[in-house]
C-alpha atoms as a PDB file:
ATOM      1  CA  MET A   1      88.392  92.189 177.225  1.00  0.00           C
ATOM      2  CA  ARG A   2      86.655  92.341 173.871  1.00  0.00           C
ATOM      3  CA  ILE A   3      87.999  94.814 171.349  1.00  0.00           C
ATOM      4  CA  THR A   4      85.588  96.089 168.698  1.00  0.00           C
ATOM      5  CA  ASN A   5      86.421  96.277 164.989  1.00  0.00           C
ATOM      6  CA  ASP A   6      86.745 100.072 165.240  1.00  0.00           C
ATOM      7  CA  HIS A   7      89.197  99.866 168.147  1.00  0.00           C
ATOM      8  CA  LEU A   8      91.271  97.226 166.361  1.00  0.00           C
ATOM      9  CA  ARG A   9      91.313  99.204 163.102  1.00  0.00           C
ATOM     10  CA  TYR A  10      92.418 102.367 164.918  1.00  0.00           C
ATOM     11  CA  ARG A  11      95.163 100.646 166.897  1.00  0.00           C
ATOM     12  CA  LEU A  12      96.592  98.811 163.886  1.00  0.00           C
ATOM     13  CA  THR A  13      96.344 101.648 161.390  1.00  0.00           C
ATOM     14  CA  ALA A  14      97.432 104.512 163.653  1.00  0.00           C
ATOM     15  CA  SER A  15     100.915 104.388 162.176  1.00  0.00           C
ATOM     16  CA  THR A  16     101.612 105.376 158.579  1.00  0.00           C
ATOM     17  CA  THR A  17     103.800 102.363 157.916  1.00  0.00           C
ATOM     18  CA  LYS A  18     102.787  99.519 155.664  1.00  0.00           C
ATOM     19  CA  MET A  19     101.103  96.754 157.659  1.00  0.00           C
ATOM     20  CA  LYS A  20     102.087  93.116 157.088  1.00  0.00           C
ATOM     21  CA  VAL A  21      99.303  90.669 157.927  1.00  0.00           C
ATOM     22  CA  LEU A  22      99.481  86.881 158.006  1.00  0.00           C
ATOM     23  CA  LEU A  23      96.204  85.054 157.409  1.00  0.00           C
ATOM     24  CA  ALA A  24      95.886  81.306 158.035  1.00  0.00           C
ATOM     25  CA  ASN A  25      93.633  79.593 155.495  1.00  0.00           C
ATOM     26  CA  ASP A  26      92.659  75.926 155.574  1.00  0.00           C
ATOM     27  CA  GLY A  27      90.018  76.267 152.870  1.00  0.00           C
ATOM     28  CA  SER A  28      87.118  76.095 155.328  1.00  0.00           C
ATOM     29  CA  LYS A  29      84.109  78.412 155.372  1.00  0.00           C
ATOM     30  CA  ILE A  30      85.411  79.961 158.609  1.00  0.00           C
ATOM     31  CA  ALA A  31      88.771  80.715 156.936  1.00  0.00           C
ATOM     32  CA  LYS A  32      87.008  82.342 153.979  1.00  0.00           C
ATOM     33  CA  ASP A  33      84.828  84.349 156.357  1.00  0.00           C
ATOM     34  CA  ALA A  34      87.943  85.426 158.309  1.00  0.00           C
ATOM     35  CA  LEU A  35      89.487  86.676 155.054  1.00  0.00           C
ATOM     36  CA  GLU A  36      86.298  88.580 154.218  1.00  0.00           C
ATOM     37  CA  TRP A  37      86.209  90.054 157.742  1.00  0.00           C
ATOM     38  CA  TYR A  38      89.844  91.174 157.444  1.00  0.00           C
ATOM     39  CA  LEU A  39      89.209  92.808 154.059  1.00  0.00           C
ATOM     40  CA  GLN A  40      86.085  94.620 155.253  1.00  0.00           C
ATOM     41  CA  ASN A  41      87.448  95.783 158.606  1.00  0.00           C
ATOM     42  CA  LEU A  42      91.225  96.102 158.556  1.00  0.00           C
ATOM     43  CA  HIS A  43      92.684  95.939 155.071  1.00  0.00           C
ATOM     44  CA  MET A  44      94.242  99.064 153.603  1.00  0.00           C
ATOM     45  CA  ASP A  45      95.617  99.362 150.076  1.00  0.00           C
ATOM     46  CA  ASP A  46      99.248  99.515 151.151  1.00  0.00           C
ATOM     47  CA  ASN A  47      99.037  96.435 153.415  1.00  0.00           C
ATOM     48  CA  ARG A  48     100.836  93.236 152.437  1.00  0.00           C
ATOM     49  CA  LEU A  49      98.847  90.047 153.003  1.00  0.00           C
ATOM     50  CA  TYR A  50     100.579  86.707 153.560  1.00  0.00           C
ATOM     51  CA  ILE A  51      98.162  83.795 153.199  1.00  0.00           C
ATOM     52  CA  VAL A  52      99.408  80.450 154.519  1.00  0.00           C
ATOM     53  CA  HIS A  53      98.038  76.941 154.224  1.00  0.00           C
ATOM     54  CA  ILE A  54      99.638  74.201 156.302  1.00  0.00           C
ATOM     55  CA  VAL A  55      99.881  70.555 155.282  1.00  0.00           C
ATOM     56  CA  ASP A  56     100.237  68.447 158.411  1.00  0.00           C
ATOM     57  CA  SER A  57     103.389  66.400 157.805  1.00  0.00           C
ATOM     58  CA  ARG A  58     104.189  65.522 161.396  1.00  0.00           C
ATOM     59  CA  TYR A  59     103.659  61.817 160.867  1.00  0.00           C
ATOM     60  CA  GLY A  60     106.101  61.158 158.045  1.00  0.00           C
ATOM     61  CA  PHE A  61     103.463  60.033 155.537  1.00  0.00           C
ATOM     62  CA  GLU A  62     105.358  61.648 152.700  1.00  0.00           C
ATOM     63  CA  ASN A  63     108.308  59.352 153.493  1.00  0.00           C
ATOM     64  CA  LYS A  64     106.113  56.234 153.474  1.00  0.00           C
ATOM     65  CA  ASP A  65     107.269  55.613 157.024  1.00  0.00           C
ATOM     66  CA  PRO A  66     104.315  56.478 159.253  1.00  0.00           C
ATOM     67  CA  VAL A  67     104.662  56.288 162.995  1.00  0.00           C
ATOM     68  CA  VAL A  68     101.014  55.238 163.165  1.00  0.00           C
ATOM     69  CA  PRO A  69     100.392  51.544 162.450  1.00  0.00           C
ATOM     70  CA  GLY A  70      98.338  50.814 159.355  1.00  0.00           C
ATOM     71  CA  ASP A  71      98.516  50.485 155.608  1.00  0.00           C
ATOM     72  CA  GLN A  72     101.336  52.775 154.458  1.00  0.00           C
ATOM     73  CA  HIS A  73      99.784  53.071 151.008  1.00  0.00           C
ATOM     74  CA  PHE A  74      96.625  54.469 152.623  1.00  0.00           C
ATOM     75  CA  PHE A  75      98.639  57.113 154.493  1.00  0.00           C
ATOM     76  CA  VAL A  76     100.478  58.119 151.319  1.00  0.00           C
ATOM     77  CA  LEU A  77      97.142  58.512 149.518  1.00  0.00           C
ATOM     78  CA  ILE A  78      95.861  60.733 152.327  1.00  0.00           C
ATOM     79  CA  HIS A  79      99.002  62.852 152.203  1.00  0.00           C
ATOM     80  CA  ASN A  80      98.784  63.191 148.414  1.00  0.00           C
ATOM     81  CA  GLU A  81      95.151  64.263 148.725  1.00  0.00           C
ATOM     82  CA  LYS A  82      96.147  66.930 151.280  1.00  0.00           C
ATOM     83  CA  GLU A  83      98.950  68.086 148.978  1.00  0.00           C
ATOM     84  CA  ASP A  84      96.558  68.380 146.006  1.00  0.00           C
ATOM     85  CA  LYS A  85      94.077  70.339 148.148  1.00  0.00           C
ATOM     86  CA  ALA A  86      96.863  72.685 149.263  1.00  0.00           C
ATOM     87  CA  LYS A  87      97.980  73.344 145.679  1.00  0.00           C
ATOM     88  CA  THR A  88      94.401  74.001 144.549  1.00  0.00           C
ATOM     89  CA  LEU A  89      93.749  76.352 147.464  1.00  0.00           C
ATOM     90  CA  SER A  90      97.061  78.126 146.879  1.00  0.00           C
ATOM     91  CA  ALA A  91      96.206  78.717 143.216  1.00  0.00           C
ATOM     92  CA  GLU A  92      92.750  80.045 144.189  1.00  0.00           C
ATOM     93  CA  MET A  93      94.255  82.445 146.726  1.00  0.00           C
ATOM     94  CA  GLU A  94      96.933  83.646 144.252  1.00  0.00           C
ATOM     95  CA  THR A  95      94.152  84.412 141.762  1.00  0.00           C
ATOM     96  CA  PHE A  96      92.133  86.131 144.497  1.00  0.00           C
ATOM     97  CA  LEU A  97      95.052  88.400 145.410  1.00  0.00           C
ATOM     98  CA  LYS A  98      95.736  89.240 141.769  1.00  0.00           C
ATOM     99  CA  ASP A  99      92.072  89.847 140.846  1.00  0.00           C
ATOM    100  CA  ASN A 100      91.574  92.126 143.861  1.00  0.00           C
ATOM    101  CA  LYS A 101      94.912  93.920 143.378  1.00  0.00           C
ATOM    102  CA  ILE A 102      96.064  92.980 146.881  1.00  0.00           C
ATOM    103  CA  SER A 103      99.779  92.993 147.553  1.00  0.00           C
ATOM    104  CA  GLY A 104     100.761  89.665 149.045  1.00  0.00           C
ATOM    105  CA  GLU A 105     101.813  86.088 148.628  1.00  0.00           C
ATOM    106  CA  VAL A 106     100.517  82.609 149.292  1.00  0.00           C
ATOM    107  CA  ASN A 107     102.618  79.906 150.939  1.00  0.00           C
ATOM    108  CA  ILE A 108     102.130  76.199 151.541  1.00  0.00           C
ATOM    109  CA  LEU A 109     103.890  75.186 154.745  1.00  0.00           C
ATOM    110  CA  TYR A 110     104.502  71.731 156.215  1.00  0.00           C
ATOM    111  CA  GLY A 111     104.346  70.662 159.850  1.00  0.00           C
ATOM    112  CA  ASP A 112     102.210  71.499 162.861  1.00  0.00           C
ATOM    113  CA  ALA A 113      99.747  74.248 161.886  1.00  0.00           C
ATOM    114  CA  GLY A 114     100.098  76.377 165.017  1.00  0.00           C
ATOM    115  CA  GLU A 115     103.881  76.222 165.052  1.00  0.00           C
ATOM    116  CA  GLU A 116     104.165  77.002 161.349  1.00  0.00           C
ATOM    117  CA  ILE A 117     101.812  80.006 161.574  1.00  0.00           C
ATOM    118  CA  VAL A 118     103.774  81.518 164.464  1.00  0.00           C
ATOM    119  CA  LYS A 119     107.096  80.814 162.742  1.00  0.00           C
ATOM    120  CA  ARG A 120     105.999  82.319 159.406  1.00  0.00           C
ATOM    121  CA  ALA A 121     104.556  85.416 161.106  1.00  0.00           C
ATOM    122  CA  SER A 122     107.952  86.004 162.682  1.00  0.00           C
ATOM    123  CA  GLU A 123     109.808  85.383 159.393  1.00  0.00           C
ATOM    124  CA  VAL A 124     107.760  87.960 157.454  1.00  0.00           C
ATOM    125  CA  ASP A 125     107.735  90.404 160.378  1.00  0.00           C
ATOM    126  CA  ALA A 126     103.929  90.440 160.465  1.00  0.00           C
ATOM    127  CA  CYS A 127     102.233  92.923 162.769  1.00  0.00           C
ATOM    128  CA  LEU A 128      98.991  90.911 162.914  1.00  0.00           C
ATOM    129  CA  VAL A 129      97.896  87.290 162.520  1.00  0.00           C
ATOM    130  CA  VAL A 130      94.314  86.571 161.452  1.00  0.00           C
ATOM    131  CA  THR A 131      92.876  83.105 161.877  1.00  0.00           C
ATOM    132  CA  GLY A 132      89.487  81.518 162.233  1.00  0.00           C
ATOM    133  CA  THR A 133      88.208  79.105 164.829  1.00  0.00           C
ATOM    134  CA  ARG A 134      85.559  76.431 164.597  1.00  0.00           C
ATOM    135  CA  GLY A 135      84.641  76.873 168.239  1.00  0.00           C
ATOM    136  CA  LEU A 136      85.377  73.370 169.502  1.00  0.00           C
ATOM    137  CA  GLY A 137      83.940  72.457 172.887  1.00  0.00           C
ATOM    138  CA  VAL A 138      86.194  72.118 175.907  1.00  0.00           C
ATOM    139  CA  ILE A 139      86.617  68.342 175.611  1.00  0.00           C
ATOM    140  CA  ARG A 140      87.285  68.334 171.871  1.00  0.00           C
ATOM    141  CA  ARG A 141      89.675  71.284 172.202  1.00  0.00           C
ATOM    142  CA  THR A 142      91.538  69.460 175.001  1.00  0.00           C
ATOM    143  CA  VAL A 143      91.832  66.231 173.010  1.00  0.00           C
ATOM    144  CA  LEU A 144      92.363  67.662 169.506  1.00  0.00           C
ATOM    145  CA  GLY A 145      94.039  70.920 170.402  1.00  0.00           C
ATOM    146  CA  SER A 146      93.212  74.282 168.902  1.00  0.00           C
ATOM    147  CA  VAL A 147      95.388  75.955 166.291  1.00  0.00           C
ATOM    148  CA  SER A 148      93.950  79.381 167.081  1.00  0.00           C
ATOM    149  CA  GLN A 149      94.637  78.972 170.811  1.00  0.00           C
ATOM    150  CA  TYR A 150      98.193  77.839 170.112  1.00  0.00           C
ATOM    151  CA  VAL A 151      98.783  80.868 167.878  1.00  0.00           C
ATOM    152  CA  LEU A 152      97.214  83.216 170.416  1.00  0.00           C
ATOM    153  CA  HIS A 153      99.466  81.968 173.219  1.00  0.00           C
ATOM    154  CA  HIS A 154     102.711  81.672 171.234  1.00  0.00           C
ATOM    155  CA  SER A 155     102.631  84.577 168.783  1.00  0.00           C
ATOM    156  CA  ASN A 156     104.704  87.691 169.474  1.00  0.00           C
ATOM    157  CA  VAL A 157     102.228  89.872 167.565  1.00  0.00           C
ATOM    158  CA  PRO A 158      98.508  90.559 168.021  1.00  0.00           C
ATOM    159  CA  VAL A 159      96.176  87.785 166.875  1.00  0.00           C
ATOM    160  CA  ALA A 160      92.643  88.335 165.577  1.00  0.00           C
ATOM    161  CA  ILE A 161      90.578  85.159 165.876  1.00  0.00           C
ATOM    162  CA  TYR A 162      87.455  85.195 163.741  1.00  0.00           C
ATOM    163  CA  THR A 163      84.471  83.129 164.795  1.00  0.00           C
ATOM    164  CA  ASP A 164      81.115  83.269 163.088  1.00  0.00           C
ATOM    165  CA  LYS A 165      79.417  83.156 166.482  1.00  0.00           C
ATOM    166  CA  CYS A 166      80.674  86.671 167.294  1.00  0.00           C
ATOM    167  CA  PHE A 167      79.863  88.263 163.956  1.00  0.00           C
ATOM    168  CA  LYS A 168      76.590  86.663 162.844  1.00  0.00           C
ATOM    169  CA  GLY A 169      74.804  89.282 160.796  1.00  0.00           C
ATOM    170  CA  LYS A 170      77.630  91.808 161.264  1.00  0.00           C
ATOM    171  CA  LYS A 171      79.777  90.962 158.249  1.00  0.00           C
END
């Protein structure tokens, strides 16, 4: 069943309590569009927005002991590049929140993206998770996995998955 923006807004804002929303942001265009969609369709001034960026540290690159064979120096360089990207994105999002007078915080998390999003949503007692999806095909999704699908199936709160295919021209 597809729920329209108006239905979702009504259901989530029917109560007078402050809404806590967790938004996953990997720095992609889809993530930025998901943030814009949230702000235009669901955000209210008294909401608290938690923006998270996850650095995949499942392979131990930061310990220089990768489980994947190869040049360890190469893996450390990749990890450091991901860490730098995360810090840059975090600073941009902190500035965004401050400039737009949005109550919230930005966190860099480490581990499996889906697991960390679900865990953080529970920790902050979020009532909604917003994430984007690239719309991988069935084979790619099966091989690579889908963070948004993981979150959808494991989260204890409603999940809004933004895809540009559904909202082309409706931003």
